[in-house]
Amino acid sequence: MLLMPGFLQVAYYYYFSSQVRRSITYGDQPRNRLDLHFPANIDEPKPVVIFVTGGAWIIGYKAWGAFLGKQLAERDIIVACIDYRNFPQGTISDMVTDASEGISFICSNISAYGGDPDRIYLMGQSAGAHISSCALLDQAFKEAKGEKGTCWSVSQMKAYFGLSGGYNLLKLVDHFHNRGLYRSLFLSIMEGEESLPKFSPEVKLKDPSAKAAVCHLPPIVLFHGTADRSMPPCASEDFVDALQSLGAKAELVLYKGKTHTDLFLQVSLGGGLLAAVEYCYDAKTKSCLEAISVHGIKCCLFDVCRIL
């Protein structure tokens, strides 16, 4: 009940604001749609955040990104929320393909909507962090091998941000089973136990060709709450360790006592708080989202869930 006013405010914004362009088609499969959240004024090309929402691979929906979209649009950033097929309409390979197609659409077309194609950032939350990291790593492996994939390049992503994600499915099967996402259902979503390594970014980094692929990755920042029971924080800790061991620019930001929803939903509804994303403004570049390329990851481009 306490969250209801915030929900209503965001729902009104999502359905009635002229700053939201809903259900733009990016592919020919079911649910290949995305929403764009715009700043009030598009007086110059704006930085862009591509956001892949969570939902346990079953109830993900682009509208869940309205919380983030509203916050960032108010701060002069365009947000693209990608929808994708959920189970049972699709399985994990379909979800990763959809996310990659959505990313490709944004890279190819965002300039027509007022976005800056040279300042595109990729972000995923929960299951969306897993899906988007799979898409990112798959593309990096393709580029390292010289394969032709979708019409986007990892080099077009200025940075990747994973919020409360899981990156090694082999370690999560029993955890999810105990939490109510039963093993048989989870394995159906993930196309069987034999496919778990394929869709586990942390495990894929053990591939002999991973070193070459990691060289293509953008800076990566993962965020996790230490009290997250839905997705254990060790999931982000282990992934960052694996990335760093191969020389990737990767960092982990842990939030003591914060839960799975604290980092996104509850705080996003928190009135005047900068709830979903904090960014730093760089005086030299005159751009909030270029700071990471000037000062590196530790400038804290995104500081998720700063609670006053």
C-alpha atoms as a PDB file:
ATOM      1  CA  MET A   1       0.000   0.000   0.000  1.00  0.00           C
ATOM      2  CA  LEU A   2       2.835   2.397   0.801  1.00  0.00           C
ATOM      3  CA  LEU A   3       4.214   1.933  -2.723  1.00  0.00           C
ATOM      4  CA  MET A   4       0.870   2.513  -4.456  1.00  0.00           C
ATOM      5  CA  PRO A   5       1.244   6.306  -5.001  1.00  0.00           C
ATOM      6  CA  GLY A   6       4.583   5.729  -6.680  1.00  0.00           C
ATOM      7  CA  PHE A   7       3.197   2.947  -8.860  1.00  0.00           C
ATOM      8  CA  LEU A   8       0.308   5.138  -9.975  1.00  0.00           C
ATOM      9  CA  GLN A   9       2.613   8.023 -10.777  1.00  0.00           C
ATOM     10  CA  VAL A  10       4.886   5.869 -12.927  1.00  0.00           C
ATOM     11  CA  ALA A  11       1.917   4.128 -14.595  1.00  0.00           C
ATOM     12  CA  TYR A  12       0.411   7.481 -15.553  1.00  0.00           C
ATOM     13  CA  TYR A  13       3.764   8.605 -16.922  1.00  0.00           C
ATOM     14  CA  TYR A  14       4.179   5.383 -18.911  1.00  0.00           C
ATOM     15  CA  TYR A  15       0.773   5.415 -20.564  1.00  0.00           C
ATOM     16  CA  PHE A  16       0.134   9.139 -20.996  1.00  0.00           C
ATOM     17  CA  SER A  17       3.452  10.992 -21.183  1.00  0.00           C
ATOM     18  CA  SER A  18       4.499  12.358 -24.571  1.00  0.00           C
ATOM     19  CA  GLN A  19       8.062  11.509 -23.536  1.00  0.00           C
ATOM     20  CA  VAL A  20       7.396   7.755 -23.864  1.00  0.00           C
ATOM     21  CA  ARG A  21       7.249   6.045 -27.251  1.00  0.00           C
ATOM     22  CA  ARG A  22       5.871   2.565 -26.623  1.00  0.00           C
ATOM     23  CA  SER A  23       6.121  -0.689 -28.563  1.00  0.00           C
ATOM     24  CA  ILE A  24       8.516   0.159 -31.378  1.00  0.00           C
ATOM     25  CA  THR A  25       9.084  -2.974 -33.455  1.00  0.00           C
ATOM     26  CA  TYR A  26      12.692  -4.158 -33.623  1.00  0.00           C
ATOM     27  CA  GLY A  27      12.253  -7.690 -35.049  1.00  0.00           C
ATOM     28  CA  ASP A  28       9.801 -10.152 -36.543  1.00  0.00           C
ATOM     29  CA  GLN A  29       9.313 -12.431 -33.528  1.00  0.00           C
ATOM     30  CA  PRO A  30       6.559 -12.153 -30.892  1.00  0.00           C
ATOM     31  CA  ARG A  31       7.331  -9.476 -28.308  1.00  0.00           C
ATOM     32  CA  ASN A  32      10.086  -7.964 -30.411  1.00  0.00           C
ATOM     33  CA  ARG A  33       9.123  -4.507 -29.183  1.00  0.00           C
ATOM     34  CA  LEU A  34      10.865  -1.794 -27.211  1.00  0.00           C
ATOM     35  CA  ASP A  35       9.956   1.430 -25.415  1.00  0.00           C
ATOM     36  CA  LEU A  36      11.871   4.690 -25.653  1.00  0.00           C
ATOM     37  CA  HIS A  37      11.883   7.198 -22.795  1.00  0.00           C
ATOM     38  CA  PHE A  38      12.930  10.694 -23.869  1.00  0.00           C
ATOM     39  CA  PRO A  39      14.167  13.785 -22.066  1.00  0.00           C
ATOM     40  CA  ALA A  40      11.882  16.799 -22.304  1.00  0.00           C
ATOM     41  CA  ASN A  41      14.146  18.472 -24.842  1.00  0.00           C
ATOM     42  CA  ILE A  42      16.106  16.797 -27.621  1.00  0.00           C
ATOM     43  CA  ASP A  43      18.211  19.829 -28.469  1.00  0.00           C
ATOM     44  CA  GLU A  44      21.314  17.749 -29.156  1.00  0.00           C
ATOM     45  CA  PRO A  45      22.171  14.035 -29.410  1.00  0.00           C
ATOM     46  CA  LYS A  46      21.602  12.407 -26.023  1.00  0.00           C
ATOM     47  CA  PRO A  47      23.381   9.510 -24.308  1.00  0.00           C
ATOM     48  CA  VAL A  48      21.448   6.253 -24.421  1.00  0.00           C
ATOM     49  CA  VAL A  49      20.932   3.453 -21.907  1.00  0.00           C
ATOM     50  CA  ILE A  50      19.668   0.143 -23.280  1.00  0.00           C
ATOM     51  CA  PHE A  51      17.855  -1.639 -20.460  1.00  0.00           C
ATOM     52  CA  VAL A  52      16.862  -5.320 -20.309  1.00  0.00           C
ATOM     53  CA  THR A  53      14.340  -5.920 -17.539  1.00  0.00           C
ATOM     54  CA  GLY A  54      14.171  -8.839 -15.143  1.00  0.00           C
ATOM     55  CA  GLY A  55      11.280 -11.192 -14.384  1.00  0.00           C
ATOM     56  CA  ALA A  56      12.692 -14.665 -13.638  1.00  0.00           C
ATOM     57  CA  TRP A  57      12.745 -15.406 -17.402  1.00  0.00           C
ATOM     58  CA  ILE A  58       8.950 -15.814 -17.130  1.00  0.00           C
ATOM     59  CA  ILE A  59       7.332 -12.449 -16.392  1.00  0.00           C
ATOM     60  CA  GLY A  60       9.790  -9.975 -17.870  1.00  0.00           C
ATOM     61  CA  TYR A  61       8.161  -6.995 -19.605  1.00  0.00           C
ATOM     62  CA  LYS A  62       9.481  -3.744 -21.054  1.00  0.00           C
ATOM     63  CA  ALA A  63       7.097  -1.646 -18.953  1.00  0.00           C
ATOM     64  CA  TRP A  64       9.017  -2.680 -15.832  1.00  0.00           C
ATOM     65  CA  GLY A  65      11.695  -0.320 -17.104  1.00  0.00           C
ATOM     66  CA  ALA A  66       9.433   2.713 -16.741  1.00  0.00           C
ATOM     67  CA  PHE A  67      10.884   3.326 -13.249  1.00  0.00           C
ATOM     68  CA  LEU A  68      14.372   3.625 -14.662  1.00  0.00           C
ATOM     69  CA  GLY A  69      13.222   5.369 -17.825  1.00  0.00           C
ATOM     70  CA  LYS A  70      11.500   8.175 -15.965  1.00  0.00           C
ATOM     71  CA  GLN A  71      14.461   8.777 -13.660  1.00  0.00           C
ATOM     72  CA  LEU A  72      17.019   8.955 -16.453  1.00  0.00           C
ATOM     73  CA  ALA A  73      14.850  10.902 -18.890  1.00  0.00           C
ATOM     74  CA  GLU A  74      14.642  13.601 -16.230  1.00  0.00           C
ATOM     75  CA  ARG A  75      18.444  13.655 -16.319  1.00  0.00           C
ATOM     76  CA  ASP A  76      18.742  14.146 -20.088  1.00  0.00           C
ATOM     77  CA  ILE A  77      19.292  10.488 -21.006  1.00  0.00           C
ATOM     78  CA  ILE A  78      17.310   8.398 -23.490  1.00  0.00           C
ATOM     79  CA  VAL A  79      16.355   4.953 -22.178  1.00  0.00           C
ATOM     80  CA  ALA A  80      15.466   2.044 -24.454  1.00  0.00           C
ATOM     81  CA  CYS A  81      13.637  -0.797 -22.654  1.00  0.00           C
ATOM     82  CA  ILE A  82      13.780  -4.018 -24.653  1.00  0.00           C
ATOM     83  CA  ASP A  83      11.011  -6.603 -24.464  1.00  0.00           C
ATOM     84  CA  TYR A  84      11.797 -10.241 -25.218  1.00  0.00           C
ATOM     85  CA  ARG A  85      10.074 -13.607 -25.409  1.00  0.00           C
ATOM     86  CA  ASN A  86       9.460 -15.135 -21.979  1.00  0.00           C
ATOM     87  CA  PHE A  87       9.032 -18.802 -21.125  1.00  0.00           C
ATOM     88  CA  PRO A  88       7.040 -20.728 -22.372  1.00  0.00           C
ATOM     89  CA  GLN A  89       6.787 -18.532 -25.493  1.00  0.00           C
ATOM     90  CA  GLY A  90      10.530 -18.894 -25.803  1.00  0.00           C
ATOM     91  CA  THR A  91      13.526 -20.426 -24.049  1.00  0.00           C
ATOM     92  CA  ILE A  92      16.835 -18.856 -23.083  1.00  0.00           C
ATOM     93  CA  SER A  93      18.353 -18.902 -26.589  1.00  0.00           C
ATOM     94  CA  ASP A  94      15.301 -16.999 -27.866  1.00  0.00           C
ATOM     95  CA  MET A  95      15.647 -14.449 -25.068  1.00  0.00           C
ATOM     96  CA  VAL A  96      19.325 -13.841 -25.789  1.00  0.00           C
ATOM     97  CA  THR A  97      18.614 -13.578 -29.519  1.00  0.00           C
ATOM     98  CA  ASP A  98      15.829 -11.077 -28.885  1.00  0.00           C
ATOM     99  CA  ALA A  99      18.035  -8.957 -26.632  1.00  0.00           C
ATOM    100  CA  SER A 100      20.790  -8.951 -29.239  1.00  0.00           C
ATOM    101  CA  GLU A 101      18.334  -7.953 -31.971  1.00  0.00           C
ATOM    102  CA  GLY A 102      17.038  -5.138 -29.784  1.00  0.00           C
ATOM    103  CA  ILE A 103      20.564  -3.890 -29.114  1.00  0.00           C
ATOM    104  CA  SER A 104      21.270  -4.032 -32.849  1.00  0.00           C
ATOM    105  CA  PHE A 105      18.157  -1.965 -33.603  1.00  0.00           C
ATOM    106  CA  ILE A 106      19.175   0.726 -31.126  1.00  0.00           C
ATOM    107  CA  CYS A 107      22.726   0.907 -32.452  1.00  0.00           C
ATOM    108  CA  SER A 108      21.463   1.260 -36.020  1.00  0.00           C
ATOM    109  CA  ASN A 109      18.509   3.580 -35.446  1.00  0.00           C
ATOM    110  CA  ILE A 110      18.867   5.597 -32.250  1.00  0.00           C
ATOM    111  CA  SER A 111      20.293   8.627 -34.053  1.00  0.00           C
ATOM    112  CA  ALA A 112      16.922   9.015 -35.803  1.00  0.00           C
ATOM    113  CA  TYR A 113      15.322   9.372 -32.369  1.00  0.00           C
ATOM    114  CA  GLY A 114      17.796  11.942 -31.070  1.00  0.00           C
ATOM    115  CA  GLY A 115      20.245   9.557 -29.433  1.00  0.00           C
ATOM    116  CA  ASP A 116      24.003   9.650 -29.721  1.00  0.00           C
ATOM    117  CA  PRO A 117      25.230   6.384 -31.302  1.00  0.00           C
ATOM    118  CA  ASP A 118      28.665   7.030 -29.805  1.00  0.00           C
ATOM    119  CA  ARG A 119      27.312   7.056 -26.231  1.00  0.00           C
ATOM    120  CA  ILE A 120      25.338   3.853 -25.791  1.00  0.00           C
ATOM    121  CA  TYR A 121      25.358   1.934 -22.500  1.00  0.00           C
ATOM    122  CA  LEU A 122      23.930  -1.526 -21.828  1.00  0.00           C
ATOM    123  CA  MET A 123      22.254  -2.415 -18.545  1.00  0.00           C
ATOM    124  CA  GLY A 124      20.311  -5.421 -17.264  1.00  0.00           C
ATOM    125  CA  GLN A 125      18.549  -6.228 -14.011  1.00  0.00           C
ATOM    126  CA  SER A 126      18.134  -9.693 -12.437  1.00  0.00           C
ATOM    127  CA  ALA A 127      17.217 -12.144 -15.236  1.00  0.00           C
ATOM    128  CA  GLY A 128      17.744  -9.226 -17.606  1.00  0.00           C
ATOM    129  CA  ALA A 129      21.316  -8.896 -16.357  1.00  0.00           C
ATOM    130  CA  HIS A 130      21.848 -12.568 -17.153  1.00  0.00           C
ATOM    131  CA  ILE A 131      20.285 -12.286 -20.619  1.00  0.00           C
ATOM    132  CA  SER A 132      22.091  -9.074 -21.560  1.00  0.00           C
ATOM    133  CA  SER A 133      25.450 -10.369 -20.314  1.00  0.00           C
ATOM    134  CA  CYS A 134      24.961 -13.500 -22.428  1.00  0.00           C
ATOM    135  CA  ALA A 135      24.246 -11.327 -25.474  1.00  0.00           C
ATOM    136  CA  LEU A 136      27.274  -9.155 -24.783  1.00  0.00           C
ATOM    137  CA  LEU A 137      29.654 -12.059 -24.254  1.00  0.00           C
ATOM    138  CA  ASP A 138      28.318 -13.978 -27.267  1.00  0.00           C
ATOM    139  CA  GLN A 139      28.971 -10.949 -29.451  1.00  0.00           C
ATOM    140  CA  ALA A 140      32.481 -10.582 -28.017  1.00  0.00           C
ATOM    141  CA  PHE A 141      33.256 -14.224 -28.825  1.00  0.00           C
ATOM    142  CA  LYS A 142      31.942 -13.783 -32.384  1.00  0.00           C
ATOM    143  CA  GLU A 143      34.084 -10.720 -32.936  1.00  0.00           C
ATOM    144  CA  ALA A 144      37.159 -12.422 -31.497  1.00  0.00           C
ATOM    145  CA  LYS A 145      36.670 -15.277 -33.980  1.00  0.00           C
ATOM    146  CA  GLY A 146      35.927 -12.933 -36.861  1.00  0.00           C
ATOM    147  CA  GLU A 147      32.385 -14.242 -37.250  1.00  0.00           C
ATOM    148  CA  LYS A 148      29.593 -12.169 -38.698  1.00  0.00           C
ATOM    149  CA  GLY A 149      26.735 -11.804 -36.255  1.00  0.00           C
ATOM    150  CA  THR A 150      24.025  -9.271 -35.701  1.00  0.00           C
ATOM    151  CA  CYS A 151      24.522  -5.715 -36.928  1.00  0.00           C
ATOM    152  CA  TRP A 152      26.156  -4.343 -33.792  1.00  0.00           C
ATOM    153  CA  SER A 153      29.552  -4.441 -32.209  1.00  0.00           C
ATOM    154  CA  VAL A 154      30.654  -4.734 -28.612  1.00  0.00           C
ATOM    155  CA  SER A 155      32.776  -1.643 -29.272  1.00  0.00           C
ATOM    156  CA  GLN A 156      29.529   0.366 -29.597  1.00  0.00           C
ATOM    157  CA  MET A 157      28.828  -0.182 -25.889  1.00  0.00           C
ATOM    158  CA  LYS A 158      30.580   2.416 -23.735  1.00  0.00           C
ATOM    159  CA  ALA A 159      30.009   0.262 -20.635  1.00  0.00           C
ATOM    160  CA  TYR A 160      27.922  -2.594 -19.266  1.00  0.00           C
ATOM    161  CA  PHE A 161      26.040  -2.480 -15.959  1.00  0.00           C
ATOM    162  CA  GLY A 162      24.624  -5.608 -14.308  1.00  0.00           C
ATOM    163  CA  LEU A 163      22.180  -5.102 -11.470  1.00  0.00           C
ATOM    164  CA  SER A 164      21.444  -8.050  -9.131  1.00  0.00           C
ATOM    165  CA  GLY A 165      22.267 -10.574 -11.833  1.00  0.00           C
ATOM    166  CA  GLY A 166      23.233 -14.241 -11.971  1.00  0.00           C
ATOM    167  CA  TYR A 167      26.047 -15.307 -14.270  1.00  0.00           C
ATOM    168  CA  ASN A 168      26.683 -18.978 -13.496  1.00  0.00           C
ATOM    169  CA  LEU A 169      23.557 -21.106 -13.854  1.00  0.00           C
ATOM    170  CA  LEU A 170      25.323 -24.242 -12.620  1.00  0.00           C
ATOM    171  CA  LYS A 171      25.630 -22.637  -9.190  1.00  0.00           C
ATOM    172  CA  LEU A 172      22.045 -21.372  -9.173  1.00  0.00           C
ATOM    173  CA  VAL A 173      19.930 -24.442 -10.000  1.00  0.00           C
ATOM    174  CA  ASP A 174      19.573 -25.643  -6.413  1.00  0.00           C
ATOM    175  CA  HIS A 175      19.240 -22.087  -5.087  1.00  0.00           C
ATOM    176  CA  PHE A 176      16.314 -21.353  -7.399  1.00  0.00           C
ATOM    177  CA  HIS A 177      14.730 -24.722  -6.644  1.00  0.00           C
ATOM    178  CA  ASN A 178      14.744 -23.921  -2.944  1.00  0.00           C
ATOM    179  CA  ARG A 179      13.279 -20.492  -3.703  1.00  0.00           C
ATOM    180  CA  GLY A 180      10.347 -21.933  -5.696  1.00  0.00           C
ATOM    181  CA  LEU A 181      11.667 -21.862  -9.261  1.00  0.00           C
ATOM    182  CA  TYR A 182      11.735 -25.638  -9.396  1.00  0.00           C
ATOM    183  CA  ARG A 183      14.559 -27.495 -11.045  1.00  0.00           C
ATOM    184  CA  SER A 184      12.435 -29.063 -13.787  1.00  0.00           C
ATOM    185  CA  LEU A 185      10.970 -25.690 -14.771  1.00  0.00           C
ATOM    186  CA  PHE A 186      14.308 -23.898 -14.621  1.00  0.00           C
ATOM    187  CA  LEU A 187      15.987 -26.537 -16.796  1.00  0.00           C
ATOM    188  CA  SER A 188      13.133 -26.253 -19.302  1.00  0.00           C
ATOM    189  CA  ILE A 189      13.720 -22.505 -19.520  1.00  0.00           C
ATOM    190  CA  MET A 190      17.462 -23.073 -19.959  1.00  0.00           C
ATOM    191  CA  GLU A 191      17.040 -25.828 -22.587  1.00  0.00           C
ATOM    192  CA  GLY A 192      18.271 -28.661 -20.408  1.00  0.00           C
ATOM    193  CA  GLU A 193      21.116 -29.260 -17.999  1.00  0.00           C
ATOM    194  CA  GLU A 194      23.570 -29.699 -20.853  1.00  0.00           C
ATOM    195  CA  SER A 195      22.961 -26.083 -21.937  1.00  0.00           C
ATOM    196  CA  LEU A 196      23.722 -24.493 -18.572  1.00  0.00           C
ATOM    197  CA  PRO A 197      27.439 -23.884 -19.316  1.00  0.00           C
ATOM    198  CA  LYS A 198      26.571 -22.309 -22.686  1.00  0.00           C
ATOM    199  CA  PHE A 199      24.338 -19.742 -21.015  1.00  0.00           C
ATOM    200  CA  SER A 200      26.614 -19.079 -18.050  1.00  0.00           C
ATOM    201  CA  PRO A 201      28.893 -16.112 -18.806  1.00  0.00           C
ATOM    202  CA  GLU A 202      31.172 -16.964 -15.889  1.00  0.00           C
ATOM    203  CA  VAL A 203      31.659 -20.504 -17.187  1.00  0.00           C
ATOM    204  CA  LYS A 204      32.224 -19.312 -20.769  1.00  0.00           C
ATOM    205  CA  LEU A 205      35.191 -17.304 -19.527  1.00  0.00           C
ATOM    206  CA  LYS A 206      36.970 -20.621 -18.908  1.00  0.00           C
ATOM    207  CA  ASP A 207      36.979 -21.301 -22.666  1.00  0.00           C
ATOM    208  CA  PRO A 208      40.478 -21.170 -24.154  1.00  0.00           C
ATOM    209  CA  SER A 209      39.338 -18.441 -26.556  1.00  0.00           C
ATOM    210  CA  ALA A 210      37.903 -16.281 -23.764  1.00  0.00           C
ATOM    211  CA  LYS A 211      41.055 -14.181 -23.395  1.00  0.00           C
ATOM    212  CA  ALA A 212      40.675 -12.874 -26.928  1.00  0.00           C
ATOM    213  CA  ALA A 213      36.964 -12.241 -26.437  1.00  0.00           C
ATOM    214  CA  VAL A 214      37.449 -10.348 -23.169  1.00  0.00           C
ATOM    215  CA  CYS A 215      39.679  -7.851 -24.965  1.00  0.00           C
ATOM    216  CA  HIS A 216      36.598  -6.703 -26.870  1.00  0.00           C
ATOM    217  CA  LEU A 217      34.441  -6.123 -23.786  1.00  0.00           C
ATOM    218  CA  PRO A 218      33.604  -2.622 -22.546  1.00  0.00           C
ATOM    219  CA  PRO A 219      34.141  -1.630 -18.909  1.00  0.00           C
ATOM    220  CA  ILE A 220      31.799  -3.661 -16.697  1.00  0.00           C
ATOM    221  CA  VAL A 221      30.292  -2.651 -13.364  1.00  0.00           C
ATOM    222  CA  LEU A 222      28.117  -5.059 -11.373  1.00  0.00           C
ATOM    223  CA  PHE A 223      25.864  -4.018  -8.490  1.00  0.00           C
ATOM    224  CA  HIS A 224      24.412  -6.284  -5.812  1.00  0.00           C
ATOM    225  CA  GLY A 225      22.783  -6.049  -2.406  1.00  0.00           C
ATOM    226  CA  THR A 226      24.348  -8.144   0.344  1.00  0.00           C
ATOM    227  CA  ALA A 227      20.883  -9.111   1.650  1.00  0.00           C
ATOM    228  CA  ASP A 228      19.676 -10.320  -1.769  1.00  0.00           C
ATOM    229  CA  ARG A 229      18.052 -13.711  -1.235  1.00  0.00           C
ATOM    230  CA  SER A 230      16.586 -13.993  -4.741  1.00  0.00           C
ATOM    231  CA  MET A 231      19.977 -13.836  -6.421  1.00  0.00           C
ATOM    232  CA  PRO A 232      22.919 -14.369  -4.048  1.00  0.00           C
ATOM    233  CA  PRO A 233      25.580 -11.629  -4.153  1.00  0.00           C
ATOM    234  CA  CYS A 234      28.296 -14.239  -4.704  1.00  0.00           C
ATOM    235  CA  ALA A 235      26.909 -14.516  -8.257  1.00  0.00           C
ATOM    236  CA  SER A 236      28.250 -11.037  -9.037  1.00  0.00           C
ATOM    237  CA  GLU A 237      31.376 -11.508  -6.923  1.00  0.00           C
ATOM    238  CA  ASP A 238      32.422 -14.644  -8.786  1.00  0.00           C
ATOM    239  CA  PHE A 239      31.711 -13.141 -12.211  1.00  0.00           C
ATOM    240  CA  VAL A 240      33.787 -10.048 -11.497  1.00  0.00           C
ATOM    241  CA  ASP A 241      36.637 -12.243 -10.245  1.00  0.00           C
ATOM    242  CA  ALA A 242      36.502 -14.300 -13.441  1.00  0.00           C
ATOM    243  CA  LEU A 243      36.499 -11.167 -15.615  1.00  0.00           C
ATOM    244  CA  GLN A 244      39.367  -9.560 -13.743  1.00  0.00           C
ATOM    245  CA  SER A 245      41.446 -12.735 -13.935  1.00  0.00           C
ATOM    246  CA  LEU A 246      41.387 -12.361 -17.728  1.00  0.00           C
ATOM    247  CA  GLY A 247      42.253  -8.689 -17.655  1.00  0.00           C
ATOM    248  CA  ALA A 248      38.789  -7.233 -18.165  1.00  0.00           C
ATOM    249  CA  LYS A 249      37.924  -3.826 -16.744  1.00  0.00           C
ATOM    250  CA  ALA A 250      35.378  -4.990 -14.193  1.00  0.00           C
ATOM    251  CA  GLU A 251      34.273  -3.765 -10.805  1.00  0.00           C
ATOM    252  CA  LEU A 252      31.744  -4.831  -8.178  1.00  0.00           C
ATOM    253  CA  VAL A 253      29.704  -2.450  -6.039  1.00  0.00           C
ATOM    254  CA  LEU A 254      28.044  -4.101  -3.036  1.00  0.00           C
ATOM    255  CA  TYR A 255      25.273  -2.457  -0.996  1.00  0.00           C
ATOM    256  CA  LYS A 256      25.222  -3.608   2.604  1.00  0.00           C
ATOM    257  CA  GLY A 257      21.837  -4.834   3.798  1.00  0.00           C
ATOM    258  CA  LYS A 258      20.054  -4.178   0.491  1.00  0.00           C
ATOM    259  CA  THR A 259      17.772  -6.758  -1.075  1.00  0.00           C
ATOM    260  CA  HIS A 260      16.948  -7.753  -4.635  1.00  0.00           C
ATOM    261  CA  THR A 261      14.154  -5.192  -4.917  1.00  0.00           C
ATOM    262  CA  ASP A 262      15.892  -2.461  -2.914  1.00  0.00           C
ATOM    263  CA  LEU A 263      18.319  -1.891  -5.754  1.00  0.00           C
ATOM    264  CA  PHE A 264      15.606  -1.197  -8.279  1.00  0.00           C
ATOM    265  CA  LEU A 265      11.910  -1.208  -7.521  1.00  0.00           C
ATOM    266  CA  GLN A 266      11.450   0.110  -4.001  1.00  0.00           C
ATOM    267  CA  VAL A 267      14.017   2.850  -4.208  1.00  0.00           C
ATOM    268  CA  SER A 268      12.869   3.883  -7.700  1.00  0.00           C
ATOM    269  CA  LEU A 269       9.558   4.847  -6.151  1.00  0.00           C
ATOM    270  CA  GLY A 270      11.214   6.888  -3.434  1.00  0.00           C
ATOM    271  CA  GLY A 271      10.090  10.402  -4.277  1.00  0.00           C
ATOM    272  CA  GLY A 272      13.000  12.753  -4.765  1.00  0.00           C
ATOM    273  CA  LEU A 273      15.741  10.140  -4.322  1.00  0.00           C
ATOM    274  CA  LEU A 274      17.972   9.479  -7.245  1.00  0.00           C
ATOM    275  CA  ALA A 275      16.709   5.966  -7.081  1.00  0.00           C
ATOM    276  CA  ALA A 276      17.705   3.807  -9.988  1.00  0.00           C
ATOM    277  CA  VAL A 277      20.828   5.522 -11.211  1.00  0.00           C
ATOM    278  CA  GLU A 278      23.336   8.085 -10.015  1.00  0.00           C
ATOM    279  CA  TYR A 279      25.773   9.458 -12.529  1.00  0.00           C
ATOM    280  CA  CYS A 280      28.641  11.865 -12.286  1.00  0.00           C
ATOM    281  CA  TYR A 281      28.975  14.941 -14.439  1.00  0.00           C
ATOM    282  CA  ASP A 282      32.367  15.439 -16.013  1.00  0.00           C
ATOM    283  CA  ALA A 283      33.321  19.090 -16.303  1.00  0.00           C
ATOM    284  CA  LYS A 284      35.899  18.474 -19.021  1.00  0.00           C
ATOM    285  CA  THR A 285      33.635  16.588 -21.441  1.00  0.00           C
ATOM    286  CA  LYS A 286      30.412  18.373 -20.396  1.00  0.00           C
ATOM    287  CA  SER A 287      28.739  14.972 -20.397  1.00  0.00           C
ATOM    288  CA  CYS A 288      27.516  12.826 -17.541  1.00  0.00           C
ATOM    289  CA  LEU A 289      27.938   9.585 -19.455  1.00  0.00           C
ATOM    290  CA  GLU A 290      31.378  10.202 -20.933  1.00  0.00           C
ATOM    291  CA  ALA A 291      33.011  10.340 -17.534  1.00  0.00           C
ATOM    292  CA  ILE A 292      33.808   6.655 -17.476  1.00  0.00           C
ATOM    293  CA  SER A 293      35.930   6.890 -20.606  1.00  0.00           C
ATOM    294  CA  VAL A 294      37.846   9.845 -19.170  1.00  0.00           C
ATOM    295  CA  HIS A 295      38.387   8.799 -15.584  1.00  0.00           C
ATOM    296  CA  GLY A 296      37.753   5.043 -15.695  1.00  0.00           C
ATOM    297  CA  ILE A 297      35.305   2.882 -13.786  1.00  0.00           C
ATOM    298  CA  LYS A 298      36.145   4.294 -10.373  1.00  0.00           C
ATOM    299  CA  CYS A 299      34.562   7.634 -11.286  1.00  0.00           C
ATOM    300  CA  CYS A 300      31.306   5.825 -10.443  1.00  0.00           C
ATOM    301  CA  LEU A 301      29.336   6.618 -13.566  1.00  0.00           C
ATOM    302  CA  PHE A 302      26.423   4.683 -12.179  1.00  0.00           C
ATOM    303  CA  ASP A 303      25.859   4.474  -8.430  1.00  0.00           C
ATOM    304  CA  VAL A 304      22.761   2.368  -8.084  1.00  0.00           C
ATOM    305  CA  CYS A 305      20.492   2.895  -5.128  1.00  0.00           C
ATOM    306  CA  ARG A 306      22.039   5.736  -3.121  1.00  0.00           C
ATOM    307  CA  ILE A 307      19.659   5.961  -0.172  1.00  0.00           C
ATOM    308  CA  LEU A 308      19.646   9.189   1.791  1.00  0.00           C
END
